[in-house]
Amino acid sequence: MSAPAKVLAALVTALVTIPLVGSAAGSVAAFDDVGSTVDAAEAFGAPRRGTGEVVNKVVVIGIDGLMFDKADAAQAPRLRRLAAQGLLSQGTIAGHITISGPSWASALTGVWDTEHGITGNEFDASPFLAHPSVFTRIERADPARHTVSIGTWHQIATIAASGDRRADIALTTAPVVDDPDESATDAATATEVVSAIERSGPDLVFTHLDQIDLAGHRHGGASRAYLAAIRRVDGLVGRIVAAVDQRARAHPREQWTVLVTTDHGHLPTGGHGGRTPAESANFVIARGPDFTPGTVTSAHTLVDLTPTVLDLLAAPPGRLDGHSLRARPTRGDER
């Protein structure tokens, strides 16, 4: 980015919570058609001969409170297809605090709660001075990289806007009026993510969708409302991935990877924070040219997201608890 653009981006970053309006709805591509078959390598911009140097791009979709085994019960075809076209790890974060603040901090720093010290949902930017976020690490390695964070929960922007080098854009979607289940607010978040991908194809986009967690708290992880929220978010995931696919086709030099994870699960009656299997259930999806379709494991969790992004974007990882999903897992990698 040019110096003036960086200044403008810094001003935008300071606006932690603003309404997101005027975004393009995004084009409907093959991935968003639940009846279509999509070739993963083609859709995600696998390197093509004669197109010049390949540029890696990454989209990370954070889905709050999603237990992946519920995706089958909810009939979430886009999430299931995304997992089938790459790597799916269904592991556990037992031993880690199963609360959003500690978990998203771990996903975006690559270290566990015992390192960054966040124990709840109220925190400021100070923990990320000692444990820089993935945005800081990427910007330190190459300030020309374009990094974007767009989320429904305001504390995601706290993380993205921390450190001596920050995300170029760190936005929180303003709550939509008369939106009791957060479906409209999450949809506005997804719309802005699609617009960012279409407009500029950032090197890293992180997004956070919240309505599944809200349904879990209000109705429980075994409720129809929880499954309905999963189906709605599945549609939003489809829109985002469709935008990535379209961007990859239009820009052959761009090699795109999509990563998906969650922060915790939910009890059948609702709630989380403990160490039960339902609360500590975690998953990671990785789809892109580096990941063999149909790969299934339990070796990876949310803490491996930051090392993977740094690996893909050729940024030094430093000392992290997690490991890149592109590396072979070793004993002791699991939490």
C-alpha atoms as a PDB file:
ATOM      1  CA  MET A   1       0.000   0.000   0.000  1.00  0.00           C
ATOM      2  CA  SER A   2       1.138   3.575  -0.643  1.00  0.00           C
ATOM      3  CA  ALA A   3       1.953   5.878   2.277  1.00  0.00           C
ATOM      4  CA  PRO A   4      -1.279   7.890   1.868  1.00  0.00           C
ATOM      5  CA  ALA A   5      -3.258   4.665   1.762  1.00  0.00           C
ATOM      6  CA  LYS A   6      -1.588   3.497   4.952  1.00  0.00           C
ATOM      7  CA  VAL A   7      -2.515   6.746   6.683  1.00  0.00           C
ATOM      8  CA  LEU A   8      -6.118   6.388   5.576  1.00  0.00           C
ATOM      9  CA  ALA A   9      -6.180   2.771   6.712  1.00  0.00           C
ATOM     10  CA  ALA A  10      -4.812   3.770  10.118  1.00  0.00           C
ATOM     11  CA  LEU A  11      -7.645   6.242  10.522  1.00  0.00           C
ATOM     12  CA  VAL A  12     -10.150   3.537   9.629  1.00  0.00           C
ATOM     13  CA  THR A  13      -8.536   1.140  12.101  1.00  0.00           C
ATOM     14  CA  ALA A  14      -9.136   3.596  14.912  1.00  0.00           C
ATOM     15  CA  LEU A  15     -12.877   3.344  14.340  1.00  0.00           C
ATOM     16  CA  VAL A  16     -13.463   0.154  16.240  1.00  0.00           C
ATOM     17  CA  THR A  17     -17.242   0.110  15.799  1.00  0.00           C
ATOM     18  CA  ILE A  18     -18.872   1.659  12.759  1.00  0.00           C
ATOM     19  CA  PRO A  19     -21.880   0.809  10.610  1.00  0.00           C
ATOM     20  CA  LEU A  20     -21.083  -1.124   7.454  1.00  0.00           C
ATOM     21  CA  VAL A  21     -23.131   0.142   4.555  1.00  0.00           C
ATOM     22  CA  GLY A  22     -22.943   0.431   0.811  1.00  0.00           C
ATOM     23  CA  SER A  23     -21.228  -2.921   0.237  1.00  0.00           C
ATOM     24  CA  ALA A  24     -21.740  -5.085  -2.793  1.00  0.00           C
ATOM     25  CA  ALA A  25     -23.825  -8.176  -2.176  1.00  0.00           C
ATOM     26  CA  GLY A  26     -21.349 -10.381  -3.992  1.00  0.00           C
ATOM     27  CA  SER A  27     -21.811 -12.526  -7.044  1.00  0.00           C
ATOM     28  CA  VAL A  28     -23.267 -15.993  -6.877  1.00  0.00           C
ATOM     29  CA  ALA A  29     -20.538 -18.401  -7.928  1.00  0.00           C
ATOM     30  CA  ALA A  30     -20.542 -22.175  -8.209  1.00  0.00           C
ATOM     31  CA  PHE A  31     -19.598 -22.837  -4.590  1.00  0.00           C
ATOM     32  CA  ASP A  32     -22.729 -21.136  -3.301  1.00  0.00           C
ATOM     33  CA  ASP A  33     -24.926 -23.443  -5.369  1.00  0.00           C
ATOM     34  CA  VAL A  34     -25.612 -26.373  -3.049  1.00  0.00           C
ATOM     35  CA  GLY A  35     -26.328 -28.633  -6.003  1.00  0.00           C
ATOM     36  CA  SER A  36     -23.056 -27.983  -7.822  1.00  0.00           C
ATOM     37  CA  THR A  37     -19.731 -29.792  -7.793  1.00  0.00           C
ATOM     38  CA  VAL A  38     -16.674 -27.600  -7.321  1.00  0.00           C
ATOM     39  CA  ASP A  39     -13.082 -28.544  -8.052  1.00  0.00           C
ATOM     40  CA  ALA A  40     -11.111 -27.338  -5.030  1.00  0.00           C
ATOM     41  CA  ALA A  41      -7.811 -26.674  -6.800  1.00  0.00           C
ATOM     42  CA  GLU A  42      -9.435 -24.770  -9.641  1.00  0.00           C
ATOM     43  CA  ALA A  43     -11.695 -22.774  -7.350  1.00  0.00           C
ATOM     44  CA  PHE A  44      -8.905 -21.739  -5.040  1.00  0.00           C
ATOM     45  CA  GLY A  45      -6.453 -20.572  -7.652  1.00  0.00           C
ATOM     46  CA  ALA A  46      -3.928 -23.383  -7.760  1.00  0.00           C
ATOM     47  CA  PRO A  47      -0.736 -22.205  -9.519  1.00  0.00           C
ATOM     48  CA  ARG A  48      -1.141 -22.024 -13.286  1.00  0.00           C
ATOM     49  CA  ARG A  49       1.737 -22.295 -15.714  1.00  0.00           C
ATOM     50  CA  GLY A  50       2.808 -19.096 -17.423  1.00  0.00           C
ATOM     51  CA  THR A  51       0.978 -16.723 -15.062  1.00  0.00           C
ATOM     52  CA  GLY A  52       4.060 -15.340 -13.288  1.00  0.00           C
ATOM     53  CA  GLU A  53       4.832 -15.354  -9.587  1.00  0.00           C
ATOM     54  CA  VAL A  54       2.084 -16.743  -7.384  1.00  0.00           C
ATOM     55  CA  VAL A  55       0.804 -14.522  -4.553  1.00  0.00           C
ATOM     56  CA  ASN A  56      -0.714 -16.295  -1.545  1.00  0.00           C
ATOM     57  CA  LYS A  57      -3.925 -14.896  -0.064  1.00  0.00           C
ATOM     58  CA  VAL A  58      -5.786 -16.126   3.034  1.00  0.00           C
ATOM     59  CA  VAL A  59      -9.341 -15.792   4.322  1.00  0.00           C
ATOM     60  CA  VAL A  60     -10.013 -16.932   7.900  1.00  0.00           C
ATOM     61  CA  ILE A  61     -13.646 -17.403   8.939  1.00  0.00           C
ATOM     62  CA  GLY A  62     -14.207 -17.525  12.686  1.00  0.00           C
ATOM     63  CA  ILE A  63     -17.594 -18.958  13.648  1.00  0.00           C
ATOM     64  CA  ASP A  64     -18.393 -18.379  17.301  1.00  0.00           C
ATOM     65  CA  GLY A  65     -19.745 -21.338  19.292  1.00  0.00           C
ATOM     66  CA  LEU A  66     -20.047 -23.846  16.427  1.00  0.00           C
ATOM     67  CA  MET A  67     -19.829 -27.563  17.155  1.00  0.00           C
ATOM     68  CA  PHE A  68     -18.927 -28.995  13.765  1.00  0.00           C
ATOM     69  CA  ASP A  69     -20.671 -32.315  14.362  1.00  0.00           C
ATOM     70  CA  LYS A  70     -23.916 -30.331  14.362  1.00  0.00           C
ATOM     71  CA  ALA A  71     -23.307 -29.301  10.739  1.00  0.00           C
ATOM     72  CA  ASP A  72     -24.658 -32.669   9.574  1.00  0.00           C
ATOM     73  CA  ALA A  73     -27.738 -32.392  11.776  1.00  0.00           C
ATOM     74  CA  ALA A  74     -28.285 -28.826  10.557  1.00  0.00           C
ATOM     75  CA  GLN A  75     -27.839 -29.841   6.909  1.00  0.00           C
ATOM     76  CA  ALA A  76     -25.084 -27.276   6.316  1.00  0.00           C
ATOM     77  CA  PRO A  77     -23.926 -28.250   2.806  1.00  0.00           C
ATOM     78  CA  ARG A  78     -21.387 -25.487   2.238  1.00  0.00           C
ATOM     79  CA  LEU A  79     -19.432 -26.132   5.430  1.00  0.00           C
ATOM     80  CA  ARG A  80     -19.455 -29.866   4.766  1.00  0.00           C
ATOM     81  CA  ARG A  81     -18.327 -29.345   1.163  1.00  0.00           C
ATOM     82  CA  LEU A  82     -15.550 -26.987   2.248  1.00  0.00           C
ATOM     83  CA  ALA A  83     -14.292 -29.604   4.698  1.00  0.00           C
ATOM     84  CA  ALA A  84     -14.452 -32.371   2.082  1.00  0.00           C
ATOM     85  CA  GLN A  85     -12.417 -30.304  -0.367  1.00  0.00           C
ATOM     86  CA  GLY A  86      -9.517 -29.882   2.044  1.00  0.00           C
ATOM     87  CA  LEU A  87      -8.393 -30.751   5.556  1.00  0.00           C
ATOM     88  CA  LEU A  88     -10.812 -31.236   8.438  1.00  0.00           C
ATOM     89  CA  SER A  89      -9.490 -31.575  11.976  1.00  0.00           C
ATOM     90  CA  GLN A  90     -11.944 -32.216  14.785  1.00  0.00           C
ATOM     91  CA  GLY A  91      -9.941 -31.927  17.973  1.00  0.00           C
ATOM     92  CA  THR A  92     -10.306 -30.614  21.503  1.00  0.00           C
ATOM     93  CA  ILE A  93      -9.090 -27.591  23.433  1.00  0.00           C
ATOM     94  CA  ALA A  94      -9.611 -29.276  26.816  1.00  0.00           C
ATOM     95  CA  GLY A  95      -7.303 -27.575  29.293  1.00  0.00           C
ATOM     96  CA  HIS A  96      -7.827 -24.199  27.634  1.00  0.00           C
ATOM     97  CA  ILE A  97     -10.461 -21.727  28.847  1.00  0.00           C
ATOM     98  CA  THR A  98     -13.508 -22.306  26.648  1.00  0.00           C
ATOM     99  CA  ILE A  99     -14.574 -18.664  26.523  1.00  0.00           C
ATOM    100  CA  SER A 100     -14.525 -16.408  23.470  1.00  0.00           C
ATOM    101  CA  GLY A 101     -11.910 -13.916  24.683  1.00  0.00           C
ATOM    102  CA  PRO A 102      -9.173 -16.432  25.511  1.00  0.00           C
ATOM    103  CA  SER A 103      -9.978 -18.574  22.484  1.00  0.00           C
ATOM    104  CA  TRP A 104     -10.008 -15.862  19.812  1.00  0.00           C
ATOM    105  CA  ALA A 105      -6.855 -14.418  21.363  1.00  0.00           C
ATOM    106  CA  SER A 106      -5.223 -17.840  20.964  1.00  0.00           C
ATOM    107  CA  ALA A 107      -6.466 -18.223  17.398  1.00  0.00           C
ATOM    108  CA  LEU A 108      -5.061 -14.805  16.473  1.00  0.00           C
ATOM    109  CA  THR A 109      -1.741 -15.072  18.335  1.00  0.00           C
ATOM    110  CA  GLY A 110      -0.867 -18.768  18.109  1.00  0.00           C
ATOM    111  CA  VAL A 111      -0.323 -19.133  21.877  1.00  0.00           C
ATOM    112  CA  TRP A 112      -2.536 -20.616  24.576  1.00  0.00           C
ATOM    113  CA  ASP A 113      -4.289 -18.719  27.362  1.00  0.00           C
ATOM    114  CA  THR A 114      -1.498 -19.676  29.773  1.00  0.00           C
ATOM    115  CA  GLU A 115       0.802 -17.507  27.642  1.00  0.00           C
ATOM    116  CA  HIS A 116      -1.294 -14.477  26.688  1.00  0.00           C
ATOM    117  CA  GLY A 117      -3.069 -14.412  30.083  1.00  0.00           C
ATOM    118  CA  ILE A 118      -6.569 -13.486  28.877  1.00  0.00           C
ATOM    119  CA  THR A 119      -9.177 -15.279  30.980  1.00  0.00           C
ATOM    120  CA  GLY A 120     -12.458 -13.604  30.012  1.00  0.00           C
ATOM    121  CA  ASN A 121     -14.203 -11.408  27.486  1.00  0.00           C
ATOM    122  CA  GLU A 122     -13.097  -8.075  28.936  1.00  0.00           C
ATOM    123  CA  PHE A 123      -9.547  -7.231  27.857  1.00  0.00           C
ATOM    124  CA  ASP A 124      -7.569  -4.442  26.222  1.00  0.00           C
ATOM    125  CA  ALA A 125      -4.685  -4.343  23.760  1.00  0.00           C
ATOM    126  CA  SER A 126      -1.905  -4.768  26.348  1.00  0.00           C
ATOM    127  CA  PRO A 127      -1.564  -8.610  26.186  1.00  0.00           C
ATOM    128  CA  PHE A 128      -0.698  -8.323  22.499  1.00  0.00           C
ATOM    129  CA  LEU A 129       2.464  -6.333  23.168  1.00  0.00           C
ATOM    130  CA  ALA A 130       4.196  -9.463  24.453  1.00  0.00           C
ATOM    131  CA  HIS A 131       2.241 -11.805  22.183  1.00  0.00           C
ATOM    132  CA  PRO A 132       1.682 -10.039  18.854  1.00  0.00           C
ATOM    133  CA  SER A 133      -1.336 -10.858  16.759  1.00  0.00           C
ATOM    134  CA  VAL A 134      -1.074 -12.434  13.341  1.00  0.00           C
ATOM    135  CA  PHE A 135      -1.800  -8.989  11.863  1.00  0.00           C
ATOM    136  CA  THR A 136       1.169  -7.444  13.685  1.00  0.00           C
ATOM    137  CA  ARG A 137       3.495 -10.239  12.632  1.00  0.00           C
ATOM    138  CA  ILE A 138       2.482  -9.961   8.979  1.00  0.00           C
ATOM    139  CA  GLU A 139       2.756  -6.164   8.923  1.00  0.00           C
ATOM    140  CA  ARG A 140       6.176  -6.311  10.609  1.00  0.00           C
ATOM    141  CA  ALA A 141       7.413  -8.774   8.002  1.00  0.00           C
ATOM    142  CA  ASP A 142       6.061  -6.766   5.071  1.00  0.00           C
ATOM    143  CA  PRO A 143       4.269  -3.437   5.660  1.00  0.00           C
ATOM    144  CA  ALA A 144       3.004  -3.549   2.068  1.00  0.00           C
ATOM    145  CA  ARG A 145       0.752  -6.484   2.930  1.00  0.00           C
ATOM    146  CA  HIS A 146      -2.927  -5.580   3.092  1.00  0.00           C
ATOM    147  CA  THR A 147      -4.577  -7.034   6.205  1.00  0.00           C
ATOM    148  CA  VAL A 148      -8.250  -6.726   7.099  1.00  0.00           C
ATOM    149  CA  SER A 149     -10.405  -7.700  10.093  1.00  0.00           C
ATOM    150  CA  ILE A 150     -14.203  -7.469   9.910  1.00  0.00           C
ATOM    151  CA  GLY A 151     -16.234  -8.971  12.738  1.00  0.00           C
ATOM    152  CA  THR A 152     -19.546  -8.974  14.531  1.00  0.00           C
ATOM    153  CA  TRP A 153     -17.942  -9.047  18.026  1.00  0.00           C
ATOM    154  CA  HIS A 154     -16.136  -5.842  18.983  1.00  0.00           C
ATOM    155  CA  GLN A 155     -13.224  -7.541  20.758  1.00  0.00           C
ATOM    156  CA  ILE A 156     -11.956  -8.967  17.486  1.00  0.00           C
ATOM    157  CA  ALA A 157     -11.136  -5.380  16.475  1.00  0.00           C
ATOM    158  CA  THR A 158      -9.369  -4.882  19.823  1.00  0.00           C
ATOM    159  CA  ILE A 159      -6.990  -7.686  18.855  1.00  0.00           C
ATOM    160  CA  ALA A 160      -6.595  -6.618  15.231  1.00  0.00           C
ATOM    161  CA  ALA A 161      -5.906  -2.981  16.178  1.00  0.00           C
ATOM    162  CA  SER A 162      -3.276  -3.846  18.822  1.00  0.00           C
ATOM    163  CA  GLY A 163       0.493  -3.695  18.673  1.00  0.00           C
ATOM    164  CA  ASP A 164       3.102  -1.504  17.014  1.00  0.00           C
ATOM    165  CA  ARG A 165       1.950  -2.766  13.606  1.00  0.00           C
ATOM    166  CA  ARG A 166      -1.787  -3.191  13.206  1.00  0.00           C
ATOM    167  CA  ALA A 167      -4.293  -4.527  10.719  1.00  0.00           C
ATOM    168  CA  ASP A 168      -4.780  -1.990   7.945  1.00  0.00           C
ATOM    169  CA  ILE A 169      -8.527  -2.185   8.506  1.00  0.00           C
ATOM    170  CA  ALA A 170     -10.164  -3.337  11.761  1.00  0.00           C
ATOM    171  CA  LEU A 171     -13.941  -3.006  11.676  1.00  0.00           C
ATOM    172  CA  THR A 172     -16.790  -4.109  13.898  1.00  0.00           C
ATOM    173  CA  THR A 173     -20.244  -4.314  12.376  1.00  0.00           C
ATOM    174  CA  ALA A 174     -22.678  -1.987  14.111  1.00  0.00           C
ATOM    175  CA  PRO A 175     -25.626  -4.014  15.452  1.00  0.00           C
ATOM    176  CA  VAL A 176     -28.549  -3.941  13.045  1.00  0.00           C
ATOM    177  CA  VAL A 177     -31.738  -2.507  14.538  1.00  0.00           C
ATOM    178  CA  ASP A 178     -34.467  -5.069  15.333  1.00  0.00           C
ATOM    179  CA  ASP A 179     -32.069  -8.012  14.944  1.00  0.00           C
ATOM    180  CA  PRO A 180     -32.797 -10.244  17.973  1.00  0.00           C
ATOM    181  CA  ASP A 181     -30.845 -13.270  16.719  1.00  0.00           C
ATOM    182  CA  GLU A 182     -27.887 -11.398  15.139  1.00  0.00           C
ATOM    183  CA  SER A 183     -28.685 -12.884  11.730  1.00  0.00           C
ATOM    184  CA  ALA A 184     -28.939  -9.477  10.046  1.00  0.00           C
ATOM    185  CA  THR A 185     -25.775  -8.220  11.745  1.00  0.00           C
ATOM    186  CA  ASP A 186     -23.808 -11.309  10.704  1.00  0.00           C
ATOM    187  CA  ALA A 187     -25.161 -10.880   7.169  1.00  0.00           C
ATOM    188  CA  ALA A 188     -23.865  -7.294   7.146  1.00  0.00           C
ATOM    189  CA  THR A 189     -20.458  -8.581   8.287  1.00  0.00           C
ATOM    190  CA  ALA A 190     -20.399 -11.142   5.470  1.00  0.00           C
ATOM    191  CA  THR A 191     -21.442  -8.505   2.939  1.00  0.00           C
ATOM    192  CA  GLU A 192     -18.520  -6.297   3.922  1.00  0.00           C
ATOM    193  CA  VAL A 193     -16.111  -9.255   3.734  1.00  0.00           C
ATOM    194  CA  VAL A 194     -17.352 -10.111   0.237  1.00  0.00           C
ATOM    195  CA  SER A 195     -16.941  -6.478  -0.779  1.00  0.00           C
ATOM    196  CA  ALA A 196     -13.366  -6.356   0.539  1.00  0.00           C
ATOM    197  CA  ILE A 197     -12.434  -9.511  -1.363  1.00  0.00           C
ATOM    198  CA  GLU A 198     -14.000  -8.228  -4.572  1.00  0.00           C
ATOM    199  CA  ARG A 199     -12.528  -4.712  -4.291  1.00  0.00           C
ATOM    200  CA  SER A 200      -8.940  -5.324  -3.297  1.00  0.00           C
ATOM    201  CA  GLY A 201      -8.219  -9.004  -2.638  1.00  0.00           C
ATOM    202  CA  PRO A 202      -6.441  -8.434   0.715  1.00  0.00           C
ATOM    203  CA  ASP A 203      -3.526 -10.669   1.668  1.00  0.00           C
ATOM    204  CA  LEU A 204      -5.325 -11.620   4.885  1.00  0.00           C
ATOM    205  CA  VAL A 205      -8.986 -11.268   5.766  1.00  0.00           C
ATOM    206  CA  PHE A 206     -10.248 -12.402   9.167  1.00  0.00           C
ATOM    207  CA  THR A 207     -13.956 -12.384   9.881  1.00  0.00           C
ATOM    208  CA  HIS A 208     -16.047 -13.308  12.902  1.00  0.00           C
ATOM    209  CA  LEU A 209     -19.703 -14.425  12.841  1.00  0.00           C
ATOM    210  CA  ASP A 210     -21.579 -14.547  16.148  1.00  0.00           C
ATOM    211  CA  GLN A 211     -25.196 -15.700  15.841  1.00  0.00           C
ATOM    212  CA  ILE A 212     -24.601 -19.412  16.496  1.00  0.00           C
ATOM    213  CA  ASP A 213     -23.094 -18.611  19.893  1.00  0.00           C
ATOM    214  CA  LEU A 214     -26.068 -16.396  20.746  1.00  0.00           C
ATOM    215  CA  ALA A 215     -28.480 -19.204  19.825  1.00  0.00           C
ATOM    216  CA  GLY A 216     -26.483 -21.607  21.983  1.00  0.00           C
ATOM    217  CA  HIS A 217     -26.665 -19.322  25.001  1.00  0.00           C
ATOM    218  CA  ARG A 218     -30.378 -18.645  24.638  1.00  0.00           C
ATOM    219  CA  HIS A 219     -31.635 -22.045  23.534  1.00  0.00           C
ATOM    220  CA  GLY A 220     -28.849 -24.616  24.015  1.00  0.00           C
ATOM    221  CA  GLY A 221     -26.611 -26.579  21.713  1.00  0.00           C
ATOM    222  CA  ALA A 222     -29.280 -29.251  21.277  1.00  0.00           C
ATOM    223  CA  SER A 223     -31.992 -26.816  20.202  1.00  0.00           C
ATOM    224  CA  ARG A 224     -33.685 -26.215  16.870  1.00  0.00           C
ATOM    225  CA  ALA A 225     -32.702 -22.553  17.134  1.00  0.00           C
ATOM    226  CA  TYR A 226     -29.023 -23.564  17.306  1.00  0.00           C
ATOM    227  CA  LEU A 227     -29.382 -25.674  14.150  1.00  0.00           C
ATOM    228  CA  ALA A 228     -31.251 -22.880  12.390  1.00  0.00           C
ATOM    229  CA  ALA A 229     -28.400 -20.472  13.176  1.00  0.00           C
ATOM    230  CA  ILE A 230     -25.908 -22.964  11.718  1.00  0.00           C
ATOM    231  CA  ARG A 231     -27.917 -23.116   8.491  1.00  0.00           C
ATOM    232  CA  ARG A 232     -27.944 -19.336   8.227  1.00  0.00           C
ATOM    233  CA  VAL A 233     -24.205 -19.075   8.825  1.00  0.00           C
ATOM    234  CA  ASP A 234     -23.645 -21.859   6.301  1.00  0.00           C
ATOM    235  CA  GLY A 235     -25.219 -19.573   3.719  1.00  0.00           C
ATOM    236  CA  LEU A 236     -22.901 -16.716   4.712  1.00  0.00           C
ATOM    237  CA  VAL A 237     -19.869 -19.006   4.439  1.00  0.00           C
ATOM    238  CA  GLY A 238     -21.067 -19.903   0.960  1.00  0.00           C
ATOM    239  CA  ARG A 239     -21.207 -16.233  -0.044  1.00  0.00           C
ATOM    240  CA  ILE A 240     -17.680 -15.568   1.226  1.00  0.00           C
ATOM    241  CA  VAL A 241     -16.166 -18.630  -0.442  1.00  0.00           C
ATOM    242  CA  ALA A 242     -18.002 -17.865  -3.682  1.00  0.00           C
ATOM    243  CA  ALA A 243     -16.393 -14.411  -3.671  1.00  0.00           C
ATOM    244  CA  VAL A 244     -12.972 -15.994  -3.137  1.00  0.00           C
ATOM    245  CA  ASP A 245     -13.537 -18.443  -5.988  1.00  0.00           C
ATOM    246  CA  GLN A 246     -14.592 -15.669  -8.327  1.00  0.00           C
ATOM    247  CA  ARG A 247     -11.613 -13.542  -7.325  1.00  0.00           C
ATOM    248  CA  ALA A 248      -9.222 -16.463  -7.922  1.00  0.00           C
ATOM    249  CA  ARG A 249     -10.617 -17.048 -11.394  1.00  0.00           C
ATOM    250  CA  ALA A 250     -10.317 -13.374 -12.281  1.00  0.00           C
ATOM    251  CA  HIS A 251      -6.750 -13.063 -10.907  1.00  0.00           C
ATOM    252  CA  PRO A 252      -4.807 -16.226 -11.873  1.00  0.00           C
ATOM    253  CA  ARG A 253      -1.667 -15.185  -9.976  1.00  0.00           C
ATOM    254  CA  GLU A 254      -3.551 -15.179  -6.664  1.00  0.00           C
ATOM    255  CA  GLN A 255      -3.480 -18.488  -4.787  1.00  0.00           C
ATOM    256  CA  TRP A 256      -6.241 -18.485  -2.158  1.00  0.00           C
ATOM    257  CA  THR A 257      -6.600 -20.516   1.030  1.00  0.00           C
ATOM    258  CA  VAL A 258      -9.689 -20.504   3.235  1.00  0.00           C
ATOM    259  CA  LEU A 259      -9.401 -21.448   6.910  1.00  0.00           C
ATOM    260  CA  VAL A 260     -12.359 -21.918   9.269  1.00  0.00           C
ATOM    261  CA  THR A 261     -12.423 -22.466  13.023  1.00  0.00           C
ATOM    262  CA  THR A 262     -14.456 -21.864  16.163  1.00  0.00           C
ATOM    263  CA  ASP A 263     -13.657 -20.733  19.700  1.00  0.00           C
ATOM    264  CA  HIS A 264     -15.609 -23.274  21.797  1.00  0.00           C
ATOM    265  CA  GLY A 265     -18.666 -25.502  21.792  1.00  0.00           C
ATOM    266  CA  HIS A 266     -21.874 -25.423  23.831  1.00  0.00           C
ATOM    267  CA  LEU A 267     -23.636 -27.502  26.439  1.00  0.00           C
ATOM    268  CA  PRO A 268     -26.902 -29.086  25.265  1.00  0.00           C
ATOM    269  CA  THR A 269     -28.771 -26.703  27.547  1.00  0.00           C
ATOM    270  CA  GLY A 270     -26.550 -23.759  26.613  1.00  0.00           C
ATOM    271  CA  GLY A 271     -23.389 -22.150  27.911  1.00  0.00           C
ATOM    272  CA  HIS A 272     -19.665 -22.866  27.906  1.00  0.00           C
ATOM    273  CA  GLY A 273     -16.507 -22.178  29.876  1.00  0.00           C
ATOM    274  CA  GLY A 274     -15.956 -25.646  31.319  1.00  0.00           C
ATOM    275  CA  ARG A 275     -13.989 -28.670  30.156  1.00  0.00           C
ATOM    276  CA  THR A 276     -16.729 -31.036  29.016  1.00  0.00           C
ATOM    277  CA  PRO A 277     -16.377 -32.587  25.547  1.00  0.00           C
ATOM    278  CA  ALA A 278     -19.238 -30.438  24.258  1.00  0.00           C
ATOM    279  CA  GLU A 279     -17.636 -27.198  25.484  1.00  0.00           C
ATOM    280  CA  SER A 280     -14.076 -28.000  24.422  1.00  0.00           C
ATOM    281  CA  ALA A 281     -14.923 -29.428  20.984  1.00  0.00           C
ATOM    282  CA  ASN A 282     -12.941 -27.619  18.315  1.00  0.00           C
ATOM    283  CA  PHE A 283     -12.432 -27.907  14.582  1.00  0.00           C
ATOM    284  CA  VAL A 284     -10.288 -26.478  11.819  1.00  0.00           C
ATOM    285  CA  ILE A 285     -10.980 -26.534   8.079  1.00  0.00           C
ATOM    286  CA  ALA A 286      -8.230 -25.717   5.576  1.00  0.00           C
ATOM    287  CA  ARG A 287      -9.032 -25.615   1.868  1.00  0.00           C
ATOM    288  CA  GLY A 288      -6.524 -24.525  -0.714  1.00  0.00           C
ATOM    289  CA  PRO A 289      -3.769 -25.824  -3.008  1.00  0.00           C
ATOM    290  CA  ASP A 290      -1.636 -27.007  -0.060  1.00  0.00           C
ATOM    291  CA  PHE A 291      -4.316 -29.271   1.411  1.00  0.00           C
ATOM    292  CA  THR A 292      -5.354 -32.650   0.027  1.00  0.00           C
ATOM    293  CA  PRO A 293      -9.130 -33.020  -0.323  1.00  0.00           C
ATOM    294  CA  GLY A 294     -10.625 -35.502   2.095  1.00  0.00           C
ATOM    295  CA  THR A 295      -7.878 -35.208   4.732  1.00  0.00           C
ATOM    296  CA  VAL A 296      -9.321 -35.984   8.179  1.00  0.00           C
ATOM    297  CA  THR A 297      -7.402 -35.704  11.454  1.00  0.00           C
ATOM    298  CA  SER A 298      -7.720 -34.653  15.084  1.00  0.00           C
ATOM    299  CA  ALA A 299      -4.235 -33.145  15.381  1.00  0.00           C
ATOM    300  CA  HIS A 300      -5.063 -29.462  14.859  1.00  0.00           C
ATOM    301  CA  THR A 301      -7.028 -26.806  16.728  1.00  0.00           C
ATOM    302  CA  LEU A 302      -7.554 -23.053  16.727  1.00  0.00           C
ATOM    303  CA  VAL A 303      -4.038 -22.356  18.029  1.00  0.00           C
ATOM    304  CA  ASP A 304      -2.663 -23.569  14.677  1.00  0.00           C
ATOM    305  CA  LEU A 305      -4.407 -20.843  12.662  1.00  0.00           C
ATOM    306  CA  THR A 306      -1.818 -18.079  13.170  1.00  0.00           C
ATOM    307  CA  PRO A 307       1.196 -20.309  12.376  1.00  0.00           C
ATOM    308  CA  THR A 308      -0.571 -21.461   9.204  1.00  0.00           C
ATOM    309  CA  VAL A 309      -1.314 -17.922   8.024  1.00  0.00           C
ATOM    310  CA  LEU A 310       2.269 -16.851   8.749  1.00  0.00           C
ATOM    311  CA  ASP A 311       3.563 -19.882   6.851  1.00  0.00           C
ATOM    312  CA  LEU A 312       1.372 -19.160   3.825  1.00  0.00           C
ATOM    313  CA  LEU A 313       2.332 -15.478   3.767  1.00  0.00           C
ATOM    314  CA  ALA A 314       6.044 -16.126   4.404  1.00  0.00           C
ATOM    315  CA  ALA A 315       6.191 -14.211   7.704  1.00  0.00           C
ATOM    316  CA  PRO A 316       8.496 -15.337  10.554  1.00  0.00           C
ATOM    317  CA  PRO A 317       6.456 -17.179  13.205  1.00  0.00           C
ATOM    318  CA  GLY A 318       8.599 -16.522  16.258  1.00  0.00           C
ATOM    319  CA  ARG A 319       7.907 -18.683  19.305  1.00  0.00           C
ATOM    320  CA  LEU A 320       4.381 -20.064  19.107  1.00  0.00           C
ATOM    321  CA  ASP A 321       2.461 -22.906  20.723  1.00  0.00           C
ATOM    322  CA  GLY A 322       0.703 -23.809  17.491  1.00  0.00           C
ATOM    323  CA  HIS A 323       2.071 -25.325  14.295  1.00  0.00           C
ATOM    324  CA  SER A 324       1.343 -24.703  10.636  1.00  0.00           C
ATOM    325  CA  LEU A 325      -1.298 -26.969   9.157  1.00  0.00           C
ATOM    326  CA  ARG A 326       1.072 -27.448   6.236  1.00  0.00           C
ATOM    327  CA  ALA A 327       3.579 -29.195   8.539  1.00  0.00           C
ATOM    328  CA  ARG A 328       3.363 -32.805   9.602  1.00  0.00           C
ATOM    329  CA  PRO A 329       1.907 -32.964  13.159  1.00  0.00           C
ATOM    330  CA  THR A 330       4.085 -34.454  15.895  1.00  0.00           C
ATOM    331  CA  ARG A 331       3.301 -36.078  19.206  1.00  0.00           C
ATOM    332  CA  GLY A 332       2.298 -33.514  21.775  1.00  0.00           C
ATOM    333  CA  ASP A 333       0.799 -31.081  19.256  1.00  0.00           C
ATOM    334  CA  GLU A 334      -2.698 -31.653  20.577  1.00  0.00           C
ATOM    335  CA  ARG A 335      -3.964 -29.617  23.499  1.00  0.00           C
END
